[in-house]
């Protein structure tokens, strides 16, 4: 017997579903999202859902810290706890910009 298709967002942690659903409803509206959790908690799954929603809305998505000229893209970055100080500073500038979309995932460690 065939299984029915799973409900949207059931493959991500329950705590993230409302946030991701909001982004899915308006993928071109700028947002800032921090996804935090330990290893195996679903951070990468949340980011995958967000990247897919943005790309489906034809929003350019970059998965690395910003470089010169990257202003018009949405930044969806996994493992942000591994970024160096210069990368974090560039990312921080984008977070301060109300017109940018920045989504990062990081383990809950002592950060810069």
PDB file of N, CA and C in Angstrom:
ATOM      1  N   UNK A   1       0.845  -1.171   0.000  1.00  0.00           N
ATOM      2  CA  UNK A   1       0.000   0.000   0.000  1.00  0.00           C
ATOM      3  C   UNK A   1       0.894   1.238   0.000  1.00  0.00           C
ATOM      4  N   UNK A   2       0.582   2.183  -0.856  1.00  0.00           N
ATOM      5  CA  UNK A   2       1.373   3.409  -0.946  1.00  0.00           C
ATOM      6  C   UNK A   2       1.114   4.285   0.266  1.00  0.00           C
ATOM      7  N   UNK A   3       2.184   4.909   0.733  1.00  0.00           N
ATOM      8  CA  UNK A   3       2.056   5.844   1.857  1.00  0.00           C
ATOM      9  C   UNK A   3       1.679   7.210   1.330  1.00  0.00           C
ATOM     10  N   UNK A   4       0.815   7.934   2.027  1.00  0.00           N
ATOM     11  CA  UNK A   4       0.480   9.284   1.579  1.00  0.00           C
ATOM     12  C   UNK A   4       1.707  10.182   1.711  1.00  0.00           C
ATOM     13  N   UNK A   5       1.739  11.216   0.898  1.00  0.00           N
ATOM     14  CA  UNK A   5       2.847  12.174   0.970  1.00  0.00           C
ATOM     15  C   UNK A   5       2.885  12.793   2.356  1.00  0.00           C
ATOM     16  N   UNK A   6       4.097  13.003   2.858  1.00  0.00           N
ATOM     17  CA  UNK A   6       4.222  13.600   4.183  1.00  0.00           C
ATOM     18  C   UNK A   6       3.789  15.063   4.149  1.00  0.00           C
ATOM     19  N   UNK A   7       3.336  15.536   5.268  1.00  0.00           N
ATOM     20  CA  UNK A   7       2.950  16.933   5.391  1.00  0.00           C
ATOM     21  C   UNK A   7       4.186  17.808   5.182  1.00  0.00           C
ATOM     22  N   UNK A   8       4.023  18.985   4.574  1.00  0.00           N
ATOM     23  CA  UNK A   8       5.152  19.892   4.432  1.00  0.00           C
ATOM     24  C   UNK A   8       5.743  20.226   5.800  1.00  0.00           C
ATOM     25  N   UNK A   9       7.030  20.338   5.854  1.00  0.00           N
ATOM     26  CA  UNK A   9       7.790  20.742   7.042  1.00  0.00           C
ATOM     27  C   UNK A   9       7.859  19.672   8.126  1.00  0.00           C
ATOM     28  N   UNK A  10       7.391  18.462   7.878  1.00  0.00           N
ATOM     29  CA  UNK A  10       7.471  17.443   8.921  1.00  0.00           C
ATOM     30  C   UNK A  10       8.882  16.877   9.057  1.00  0.00           C
ATOM     31  N   UNK A  11       9.754  17.193   8.110  1.00  0.00           N
ATOM     32  CA  UNK A  11      11.115  16.687   8.189  1.00  0.00           C
ATOM     33  C   UNK A  11      12.054  17.644   8.920  1.00  0.00           C
ATOM     34  N   UNK A  12      11.501  18.709   9.492  1.00  0.00           N
ATOM     35  CA  UNK A  12      12.315  19.636  10.278  1.00  0.00           C
ATOM     36  C   UNK A  12      11.801  19.665  11.715  1.00  0.00           C
ATOM     37  N   UNK A  13      12.644  20.098  12.646  1.00  0.00           N
ATOM     38  CA  UNK A  13      12.232  20.107  14.057  1.00  0.00           C
ATOM     39  C   UNK A  13      10.968  20.947  14.281  1.00  0.00           C
ATOM     40  N   UNK A  14      10.078  20.493  15.153  1.00  0.00           N
ATOM     41  CA  UNK A  14       8.826  21.226  15.419  1.00  0.00           C
ATOM     42  C   UNK A  14       9.042  22.686  15.809  1.00  0.00           C
ATOM     43  N   UNK A  15      10.089  22.974  16.545  1.00  0.00           N
ATOM     44  CA  UNK A  15      10.329  24.346  16.997  1.00  0.00           C
ATOM     45  C   UNK A  15      10.607  25.299  15.834  1.00  0.00           C
ATOM     46  N   UNK A  16      11.029  24.779  14.697  1.00  0.00           N
ATOM     47  CA  UNK A  16      11.372  25.628  13.553  1.00  0.00           C
ATOM     48  C   UNK A  16      10.243  25.754  12.541  1.00  0.00           C
ATOM     49  N   UNK A  17       9.203  24.965  12.670  1.00  0.00           N
ATOM     50  CA  UNK A  17       8.167  24.894  11.631  1.00  0.00           C
ATOM     51  C   UNK A  17       7.450  26.214  11.392  1.00  0.00           C
ATOM     52  N   UNK A  18       7.097  26.930  12.437  1.00  0.00           N
ATOM     53  CA  UNK A  18       6.388  28.203  12.258  1.00  0.00           C
ATOM     54  C   UNK A  18       7.262  29.224  11.531  1.00  0.00           C
ATOM     55  N   UNK A  19       8.530  29.284  11.902  1.00  0.00           N
ATOM     56  CA  UNK A  19       9.443  30.229  11.267  1.00  0.00           C
ATOM     57  C   UNK A  19       9.618  29.904   9.798  1.00  0.00           C
ATOM     58  N   UNK A  20       9.840  28.632   9.484  1.00  0.00           N
ATOM     59  CA  UNK A  20      10.017  28.226   8.089  1.00  0.00           C
ATOM     60  C   UNK A  20       8.718  28.431   7.313  1.00  0.00           C
ATOM     61  N   UNK A  21       7.579  28.155   7.922  1.00  0.00           N
ATOM     62  CA  UNK A  21       6.298  28.369   7.255  1.00  0.00           C
ATOM     63  C   UNK A  21       6.097  29.849   6.917  1.00  0.00           C
ATOM     64  N   UNK A  22       6.514  30.737   7.807  1.00  0.00           N
ATOM     65  CA  UNK A  22       6.415  32.177   7.541  1.00  0.00           C
ATOM     66  C   UNK A  22       7.276  32.561   6.343  1.00  0.00           C
ATOM     67  N   UNK A  23       8.459  31.998   6.275  1.00  0.00           N
ATOM     68  CA  UNK A  23       9.336  32.284   5.149  1.00  0.00           C
ATOM     69  C   UNK A  23       8.762  31.708   3.853  1.00  0.00           C
ATOM     70  N   UNK A  24       8.192  30.516   3.923  1.00  0.00           N
ATOM     71  CA  UNK A  24       7.576  29.906   2.744  1.00  0.00           C
ATOM     72  C   UNK A  24       6.420  30.755   2.223  1.00  0.00           C
ATOM     73  N   UNK A  25       5.693  31.401   3.127  1.00  0.00           N
ATOM     74  CA  UNK A  25       4.552  32.226   2.739  1.00  0.00           C
ATOM     75  C   UNK A  25       4.983  33.527   2.065  1.00  0.00           C
ATOM     76  N   UNK A  26       6.167  34.014   2.390  1.00  0.00           N
ATOM     77  CA  UNK A  26       6.652  35.276   1.820  1.00  0.00           C
ATOM     78  C   UNK A  26       8.168  35.203   1.621  1.00  0.00           C
ATOM     79  N   UNK A  27       8.625  34.394   0.674  1.00  0.00           N
ATOM     80  CA  UNK A  27      10.058  34.140   0.535  1.00  0.00           C
ATOM     81  C   UNK A  27      10.891  35.325   0.066  1.00  0.00           C
ATOM     82  N   UNK A  28      10.270  36.369  -0.455  1.00  0.00           N
ATOM     83  CA  UNK A  28      11.048  37.521  -0.912  1.00  0.00           C
ATOM     84  C   UNK A  28      11.129  38.631   0.139  1.00  0.00           C
ATOM     85  N   UNK A  29      10.468  38.458   1.262  1.00  0.00           N
ATOM     86  CA  UNK A  29      10.535  39.447   2.344  1.00  0.00           C
ATOM     87  C   UNK A  29      11.835  39.199   3.126  1.00  0.00           C
ATOM     88  N   UNK A  30      12.656  40.237   3.308  1.00  0.00           N
ATOM     89  CA  UNK A  30      13.921  40.046   4.029  1.00  0.00           C
ATOM     90  C   UNK A  30      13.697  39.559   5.465  1.00  0.00           C
ATOM     91  N   UNK A  31      14.530  38.593   5.887  1.00  0.00           N
ATOM     92  CA  UNK A  31      14.448  38.052   7.243  1.00  0.00           C
ATOM     93  C   UNK A  31      15.848  37.826   7.796  1.00  0.00           C
ATOM     94  N   UNK A  32      15.907  37.744   9.094  1.00  0.00           N
ATOM     95  CA  UNK A  32      17.127  37.325   9.801  1.00  0.00           C
ATOM     96  C   UNK A  32      16.714  36.164  10.683  1.00  0.00           C
ATOM     97  N   UNK A  33      17.367  35.013  10.501  1.00  0.00           N
ATOM     98  CA  UNK A  33      17.026  33.822  11.267  1.00  0.00           C
ATOM     99  C   UNK A  33      18.308  33.175  11.772  1.00  0.00           C
ATOM    100  N   UNK A  34      18.321  32.833  13.048  1.00  0.00           N
ATOM    101  CA  UNK A  34      19.405  32.053  13.641  1.00  0.00           C
ATOM    102  C   UNK A  34      18.835  30.707  14.055  1.00  0.00           C
ATOM    103  N   UNK A  35      19.433  29.643  13.558  1.00  0.00           N
ATOM    104  CA  UNK A  35      19.042  28.290  13.920  1.00  0.00           C
ATOM    105  C   UNK A  35      20.178  27.740  14.784  1.00  0.00           C
ATOM    106  N   UNK A  36      19.864  27.402  16.008  1.00  0.00           N
ATOM    107  CA  UNK A  36      20.890  26.943  16.934  1.00  0.00           C
ATOM    108  C   UNK A  36      20.508  25.591  17.513  1.00  0.00           C
ATOM    109  N   UNK A  37      21.501  24.715  17.609  1.00  0.00           N
ATOM    110  CA  UNK A  37      21.258  23.400  18.178  1.00  0.00           C
ATOM    111  C   UNK A  37      22.512  22.561  18.074  1.00  0.00           C
ATOM    112  N   UNK A  38      22.534  21.492  18.802  1.00  0.00           N
ATOM    113  CA  UNK A  38      23.683  20.597  18.793  1.00  0.00           C
ATOM    114  C   UNK A  38      23.716  19.732  17.545  1.00  0.00           C
ATOM    115  N   UNK A  39      24.690  18.850  17.498  1.00  0.00           N
ATOM    116  CA  UNK A  39      24.835  17.931  16.376  1.00  0.00           C
ATOM    117  C   UNK A  39      23.596  17.048  16.293  1.00  0.00           C
ATOM    118  N   UNK A  40      23.045  16.915  15.094  1.00  0.00           N
ATOM    119  CA  UNK A  40      21.908  16.034  14.873  1.00  0.00           C
ATOM    120  C   UNK A  40      20.552  16.587  15.263  1.00  0.00           C
ATOM    121  N   UNK A  41      20.452  17.888  15.497  1.00  0.00           N
ATOM    122  CA  UNK A  41      19.174  18.464  15.930  1.00  0.00           C
ATOM    123  C   UNK A  41      18.314  18.978  14.781  1.00  0.00           C
ATOM    124  N   UNK A  42      18.804  18.916  13.551  1.00  0.00           N
ATOM    125  CA  UNK A  42      18.007  19.315  12.404  1.00  0.00           C
ATOM    126  C   UNK A  42      18.328  20.676  11.821  1.00  0.00           C
ATOM    127  N   UNK A  43      19.424  21.283  12.239  1.00  0.00           N
ATOM    128  CA  UNK A  43      19.781  22.601  11.707  1.00  0.00           C
ATOM    129  C   UNK A  43      19.916  22.576  10.184  1.00  0.00           C
ATOM    130  N   UNK A  44      20.632  21.598   9.671  1.00  0.00           N
ATOM    131  CA  UNK A  44      20.856  21.515   8.225  1.00  0.00           C
ATOM    132  C   UNK A  44      19.558  21.262   7.474  1.00  0.00           C
ATOM    133  N   UNK A  45      18.644  20.514   8.050  1.00  0.00           N
ATOM    134  CA  UNK A  45      17.338  20.278   7.417  1.00  0.00           C
ATOM    135  C   UNK A  45      16.542  21.570   7.335  1.00  0.00           C
ATOM    136  N   UNK A  46      16.599  22.368   8.375  1.00  0.00           N
ATOM    137  CA  UNK A  46      15.905  23.663   8.368  1.00  0.00           C
ATOM    138  C   UNK A  46      16.492  24.546   7.273  1.00  0.00           C
ATOM    139  N   UNK A  47      17.814  24.613   7.192  1.00  0.00           N
ATOM    140  CA  UNK A  47      18.438  25.432   6.166  1.00  0.00           C
ATOM    141  C   UNK A  47      18.123  24.924   4.770  1.00  0.00           C
ATOM    142  N   UNK A  48      18.054  23.622   4.582  1.00  0.00           N
ATOM    143  CA  UNK A  48      17.701  23.069   3.265  1.00  0.00           C
ATOM    144  C   UNK A  48      16.298  23.498   2.857  1.00  0.00           C
ATOM    145  N   UNK A  49      15.346  23.471   3.787  1.00  0.00           N
ATOM    146  CA  UNK A  49      13.976  23.901   3.493  1.00  0.00           C
ATOM    147  C   UNK A  49      13.949  25.383   3.133  1.00  0.00           C
ATOM    148  N   UNK A  50      14.728  26.177   3.843  1.00  0.00           N
ATOM    149  CA  UNK A  50      14.778  27.616   3.578  1.00  0.00           C
ATOM    150  C   UNK A  50      15.422  27.887   2.229  1.00  0.00           C
ATOM    151  N   UNK A  51      16.541  27.218   1.942  1.00  0.00           N
ATOM    152  CA  UNK A  51      17.190  27.402   0.628  1.00  0.00           C
ATOM    153  C   UNK A  51      16.242  27.037  -0.503  1.00  0.00           C
ATOM    154  N   UNK A  52      15.537  25.929  -0.359  1.00  0.00           N
ATOM    155  CA  UNK A  52      14.597  25.495  -1.393  1.00  0.00           C
ATOM    156  C   UNK A  52      13.489  26.524  -1.613  1.00  0.00           C
ATOM    157  N   UNK A  53      12.944  27.062  -0.535  1.00  0.00           N
ATOM    158  CA  UNK A  53      11.877  28.062  -0.646  1.00  0.00           C
ATOM    159  C   UNK A  53      12.377  29.324  -1.339  1.00  0.00           C
ATOM    160  N   UNK A  54      13.560  29.766  -0.971  1.00  0.00           N
ATOM    161  CA  UNK A  54      14.109  30.972  -1.586  1.00  0.00           C
ATOM    162  C   UNK A  54      14.391  30.757  -3.065  1.00  0.00           C
ATOM    163  N   UNK A  55      15.005  29.619  -3.388  1.00  0.00           N
ATOM    164  CA  UNK A  55      15.317  29.341  -4.801  1.00  0.00           C
ATOM    165  C   UNK A  55      14.043  29.179  -5.627  1.00  0.00           C
ATOM    166  N   UNK A  56      13.013  28.565  -5.044  1.00  0.00           N
ATOM    167  CA  UNK A  56      11.739  28.418  -5.759  1.00  0.00           C
ATOM    168  C   UNK A  56      11.113  29.785  -6.050  1.00  0.00           C
ATOM    169  N   UNK A  57      11.408  30.766  -5.204  1.00  0.00           N
ATOM    170  CA  UNK A  57      10.917  32.133  -5.411  1.00  0.00           C
ATOM    171  C   UNK A  57      11.890  32.952  -6.261  1.00  0.00           C
ATOM    172  N   UNK A  58      12.871  32.267  -6.849  1.00  0.00           N
ATOM    173  CA  UNK A  58      13.881  32.883  -7.707  1.00  0.00           C
ATOM    174  C   UNK A  58      14.729  33.925  -6.994  1.00  0.00           C
ATOM    175  N   UNK A  59      14.992  33.672  -5.712  1.00  0.00           N
ATOM    176  CA  UNK A  59      15.903  34.499  -4.940  1.00  0.00           C
ATOM    177  C   UNK A  59      17.284  33.859  -5.024  1.00  0.00           C
ATOM    178  N   UNK A  60      18.286  34.655  -5.360  1.00  0.00           N
ATOM    179  CA  UNK A  60      19.661  34.135  -5.399  1.00  0.00           C
ATOM    180  C   UNK A  60      20.083  33.769  -3.979  1.00  0.00           C
ATOM    181  N   UNK A  61      20.656  32.595  -3.810  1.00  0.00           N
ATOM    182  CA  UNK A  61      21.056  32.113  -2.488  1.00  0.00           C
ATOM    183  C   UNK A  61      22.545  31.782  -2.509  1.00  0.00           C
ATOM    184  N   UNK A  62      23.255  32.307  -1.530  1.00  0.00           N
ATOM    185  CA  UNK A  62      24.668  31.962  -1.345  1.00  0.00           C
ATOM    186  C   UNK A  62      24.821  31.252  -0.011  1.00  0.00           C
ATOM    187  N   UNK A  63      25.696  30.256   0.018  1.00  0.00           N
ATOM    188  CA  UNK A  63      25.873  29.444   1.226  1.00  0.00           C
ATOM    189  C   UNK A  63      27.216  29.692   1.887  1.00  0.00           C
ATOM    190  N   UNK A  64      27.793  30.828   1.611  1.00  0.00           N
ATOM    191  CA  UNK A  64      29.078  31.215   2.190  1.00  0.00           C
ATOM    192  C   UNK A  64      28.986  32.664   2.655  1.00  0.00           C
ATOM    193  N   UNK A  65      29.942  33.096   3.472  1.00  0.00           N
ATOM    194  CA  UNK A  65      29.931  34.497   3.913  1.00  0.00           C
ATOM    195  C   UNK A  65      30.021  35.442   2.718  1.00  0.00           C
ATOM    196  N   UNK A  66      29.499  36.648   2.873  1.00  0.00           N
ATOM    197  CA  UNK A  66      29.479  37.595   1.756  1.00  0.00           C
ATOM    198  C   UNK A  66      30.871  38.043   1.330  1.00  0.00           C
ATOM    199  N   UNK A  67      30.969  38.306   0.038  1.00  0.00           N
ATOM    200  CA  UNK A  67      32.167  38.906  -0.549  1.00  0.00           C
ATOM    201  C   UNK A  67      31.726  40.172  -1.257  1.00  0.00           C
ATOM    202  N   UNK A  68      32.658  40.970  -1.673  1.00  0.00           N
ATOM    203  CA  UNK A  68      32.358  42.208  -2.383  1.00  0.00           C
ATOM    204  C   UNK A  68      31.419  41.925  -3.556  1.00  0.00           C
ATOM    205  N   UNK A  69      30.321  42.658  -3.631  1.00  0.00           N
ATOM    206  CA  UNK A  69      29.384  42.520  -4.734  1.00  0.00           C
ATOM    207  C   UNK A  69      28.279  41.502  -4.516  1.00  0.00           C
ATOM    208  N   UNK A  70      28.207  40.879  -3.351  1.00  0.00           N
ATOM    209  CA  UNK A  70      27.189  39.862  -3.077  1.00  0.00           C
ATOM    210  C   UNK A  70      25.923  40.424  -2.445  1.00  0.00           C
ATOM    211  N   UNK A  71      25.734  41.706  -2.444  1.00  0.00           N
ATOM    212  CA  UNK A  71      24.656  42.345  -1.696  1.00  0.00           C
ATOM    213  C   UNK A  71      23.245  41.866  -2.042  1.00  0.00           C
ATOM    214  N   UNK A  72      23.005  41.476  -3.289  1.00  0.00           N
ATOM    215  CA  UNK A  72      21.638  41.176  -3.692  1.00  0.00           C
ATOM    216  C   UNK A  72      21.217  39.729  -3.442  1.00  0.00           C
ATOM    217  N   UNK A  73      22.040  38.956  -2.818  1.00  0.00           N
ATOM    218  CA  UNK A  73      21.709  37.551  -2.568  1.00  0.00           C
ATOM    219  C   UNK A  73      21.207  37.359  -1.143  1.00  0.00           C
ATOM    220  N   UNK A  74      20.498  36.257  -0.946  1.00  0.00           N
ATOM    221  CA  UNK A  74      20.152  35.812   0.406  1.00  0.00           C
ATOM    222  C   UNK A  74      21.294  34.905   0.859  1.00  0.00           C
ATOM    223  N   UNK A  75      21.696  35.036   2.096  1.00  0.00           N
ATOM    224  CA  UNK A  75      22.789  34.233   2.638  1.00  0.00           C
ATOM    225  C   UNK A  75      22.206  33.202   3.593  1.00  0.00           C
ATOM    226  N   UNK A  76      22.421  31.932   3.284  1.00  0.00           N
ATOM    227  CA  UNK A  76      21.940  30.828   4.100  1.00  0.00           C
ATOM    228  C   UNK A  76      23.176  29.982   4.417  1.00  0.00           C
ATOM    229  N   UNK A  77      23.697  30.152   5.629  1.00  0.00           N
ATOM    230  CA  UNK A  77      25.010  29.623   5.978  1.00  0.00           C
ATOM    231  C   UNK A  77      24.920  28.633   7.138  1.00  0.00           C
ATOM    232  N   UNK A  78      25.381  27.426   6.883  1.00  0.00           N
ATOM    233  CA  UNK A  78      25.440  26.384   7.910  1.00  0.00           C
ATOM    234  C   UNK A  78      26.796  26.460   8.613  1.00  0.00           C
ATOM    235  N   UNK A  79      26.854  25.962   9.827  1.00  0.00           N
ATOM    236  CA  UNK A  79      28.094  25.893  10.616  1.00  0.00           C
ATOM    237  C   UNK A  79      28.755  27.261  10.802  1.00  0.00           C
ATOM    238  N   UNK A  80      27.967  28.268  11.096  1.00  0.00           N
ATOM    239  CA  UNK A  80      28.496  29.618  11.283  1.00  0.00           C
ATOM    240  C   UNK A  80      29.466  29.693  12.455  1.00  0.00           C
ATOM    241  N   UNK A  81      29.405  28.734  13.361  1.00  0.00           N
ATOM    242  CA  UNK A  81      30.339  28.733  14.489  1.00  0.00           C
ATOM    243  C   UNK A  81      31.778  28.474  14.022  1.00  0.00           C
ATOM    244  N   UNK A  82      31.951  28.076  12.764  1.00  0.00           N
ATOM    245  CA  UNK A  82      33.289  27.823  12.222  1.00  0.00           C
ATOM    246  C   UNK A  82      33.856  29.010  11.446  1.00  0.00           C
ATOM    247  N   UNK A  83      33.085  30.087  11.316  1.00  0.00           N
ATOM    248  CA  UNK A  83      33.558  31.252  10.574  1.00  0.00           C
ATOM    249  C   UNK A  83      34.642  31.992  11.342  1.00  0.00           C
ATOM    250  N   UNK A  84      35.560  32.622  10.607  1.00  0.00           N
ATOM    251  CA  UNK A  84      36.599  33.405  11.271  1.00  0.00           C
ATOM    252  C   UNK A  84      36.075  34.822  11.538  1.00  0.00           C
ATOM    253  N   UNK A  85      36.883  35.612  12.219  1.00  0.00           N
ATOM    254  CA  UNK A  85      36.455  36.953  12.620  1.00  0.00           C
ATOM    255  C   UNK A  85      36.092  37.838  11.435  1.00  0.00           C
ATOM    256  N   UNK A  86      36.873  37.790  10.360  1.00  0.00           N
ATOM    257  CA  UNK A  86      36.598  38.623   9.190  1.00  0.00           C
ATOM    258  C   UNK A  86      35.276  38.214   8.534  1.00  0.00           C
ATOM    259  N   UNK A  87      35.022  36.924   8.427  1.00  0.00           N
ATOM    260  CA  UNK A  87      33.764  36.446   7.850  1.00  0.00           C
ATOM    261  C   UNK A  87      32.581  36.853   8.712  1.00  0.00           C
ATOM    262  N   UNK A  88      32.739  36.748  10.026  1.00  0.00           N
ATOM    263  CA  UNK A  88      31.663  37.164  10.930  1.00  0.00           C
ATOM    264  C   UNK A  88      31.390  38.656  10.829  1.00  0.00           C
ATOM    265  N   UNK A  89      32.442  39.458  10.661  1.00  0.00           N
ATOM    266  CA  UNK A  89      32.258  40.907  10.527  1.00  0.00           C
ATOM    267  C   UNK A  89      31.481  41.233   9.256  1.00  0.00           C
ATOM    268  N   UNK A  90      31.812  40.583   8.140  1.00  0.00           N
ATOM    269  CA  UNK A  90      31.086  40.816   6.885  1.00  0.00           C
ATOM    270  C   UNK A  90      29.628  40.382   7.020  1.00  0.00           C
ATOM    271  N   UNK A  91      29.422  39.265   7.668  1.00  0.00           N
ATOM    272  CA  UNK A  91      28.068  38.770   7.888  1.00  0.00           C
ATOM    273  C   UNK A  91      27.290  39.726   8.793  1.00  0.00           C
ATOM    274  N   UNK A  92      27.943  40.241   9.810  1.00  0.00           N
ATOM    275  CA  UNK A  92      27.305  41.192  10.722  1.00  0.00           C
ATOM    276  C   UNK A  92      26.831  42.449  10.021  1.00  0.00           C
ATOM    277  N   UNK A  93      27.589  42.910   9.028  1.00  0.00           N
ATOM    278  CA  UNK A  93      27.171  44.083   8.257  1.00  0.00           C
ATOM    279  C   UNK A  93      25.863  43.805   7.525  1.00  0.00           C
ATOM    280  N   UNK A  94      25.736  42.609   6.979  1.00  0.00           N
ATOM    281  CA  UNK A  94      24.493  42.248   6.295  1.00  0.00           C
ATOM    282  C   UNK A  94      23.333  42.096   7.261  1.00  0.00           C
ATOM    283  N   UNK A  95      23.593  41.568   8.430  1.00  0.00           N
ATOM    284  CA  UNK A  95      22.531  41.410   9.428  1.00  0.00           C
ATOM    285  C   UNK A  95      21.974  42.780   9.812  1.00  0.00           C
ATOM    286  N   UNK A  96      22.828  43.788   9.835  1.00  0.00           N
ATOM    287  CA  UNK A  96      22.390  45.140  10.193  1.00  0.00           C
ATOM    288  C   UNK A  96      21.584  45.813   9.077  1.00  0.00           C
ATOM    289  N   UNK A  97      21.633  45.282   7.875  1.00  0.00           N
ATOM    290  CA  UNK A  97      20.921  45.857   6.740  1.00  0.00           C
ATOM    291  C   UNK A  97      19.485  45.325   6.704  1.00  0.00           C
ATOM    292  N   UNK A  98      18.484  46.193   6.877  1.00  0.00           N
ATOM    293  CA  UNK A  98      17.099  45.708   6.913  1.00  0.00           C
ATOM    294  C   UNK A  98      16.623  45.089   5.601  1.00  0.00           C
ATOM    295  N   UNK A  99      17.311  45.345   4.495  1.00  0.00           N
ATOM    296  CA  UNK A  99      16.882  44.814   3.202  1.00  0.00           C
ATOM    297  C   UNK A  99      17.490  43.449   2.880  1.00  0.00           C
ATOM    298  N   UNK A 100      18.334  42.931   3.755  1.00  0.00           N
ATOM    299  CA  UNK A 100      19.013  41.665   3.450  1.00  0.00           C
ATOM    300  C   UNK A 100      18.340  40.484   4.149  1.00  0.00           C
ATOM    301  N   UNK A 101      18.521  39.318   3.539  1.00  0.00           N
ATOM    302  CA  UNK A 101      18.084  38.065   4.144  1.00  0.00           C
ATOM    303  C   UNK A 101      19.329  37.308   4.569  1.00  0.00           C
ATOM    304  N   UNK A 102      19.386  36.990   5.859  1.00  0.00           N
ATOM    305  CA  UNK A 102      20.519  36.255   6.411  1.00  0.00           C
ATOM    306  C   UNK A 102      19.964  35.160   7.318  1.00  0.00           C
ATOM    307  N   UNK A 103      20.302  33.934   6.982  1.00  0.00           N
ATOM    308  CA  UNK A 103      19.884  32.779   7.768  1.00  0.00           C
ATOM    309  C   UNK A 103      21.142  31.992   8.094  1.00  0.00           C
ATOM    310  N   UNK A 104      21.408  31.799   9.377  1.00  0.00           N
ATOM    311  CA  UNK A 104      22.603  31.039   9.750  1.00  0.00           C
ATOM    312  C   UNK A 104      22.230  29.954  10.749  1.00  0.00           C
ATOM    313  N   UNK A 105      23.025  28.900  10.726  1.00  0.00           N
ATOM    314  CA  UNK A 105      22.893  27.832  11.704  1.00  0.00           C
ATOM    315  C   UNK A 105      24.237  27.687  12.400  1.00  0.00           C
ATOM    316  N   UNK A 106      24.183  27.490  13.705  1.00  0.00           N
ATOM    317  CA  UNK A 106      25.401  27.350  14.493  1.00  0.00           C
ATOM    318  C   UNK A 106      25.129  26.478  15.708  1.00  0.00           C
ATOM    319  N   UNK A 107      26.163  25.804  16.134  1.00  0.00           N
ATOM    320  CA  UNK A 107      26.064  25.067  17.386  1.00  0.00           C
ATOM    321  C   UNK A 107      26.098  26.056  18.545  1.00  0.00           C
ATOM    322  N   UNK A 108      25.430  25.743  19.646  1.00  0.00           N
ATOM    323  CA  UNK A 108      25.388  26.688  20.777  1.00  0.00           C
ATOM    324  C   UNK A 108      26.673  26.625  21.597  1.00  0.00           C
ATOM    325  N   UNK A 109      27.712  27.237  21.040  1.00  0.00           N
ATOM    326  CA  UNK A 109      29.022  27.279  21.687  1.00  0.00           C
ATOM    327  C   UNK A 109      29.314  28.716  22.098  1.00  0.00           C
ATOM    328  N   UNK A 110      30.402  28.914  22.795  1.00  0.00           N
ATOM    329  CA  UNK A 110      30.854  30.274  23.079  1.00  0.00           C
ATOM    330  C   UNK A 110      31.281  30.867  21.744  1.00  0.00           C
ATOM    331  N   UNK A 111      30.619  31.965  21.331  1.00  0.00           N
ATOM    332  CA  UNK A 111      30.873  32.555  20.014  1.00  0.00           C
ATOM    333  C   UNK A 111      31.606  33.873  20.155  1.00  0.00           C
ATOM    334  N   UNK A 112      32.090  34.355  19.018  1.00  0.00           N
ATOM    335  CA  UNK A 112      32.757  35.656  18.944  1.00  0.00           C
ATOM    336  C   UNK A 112      31.739  36.747  19.225  1.00  0.00           C
TER     337      UNK A 112
END
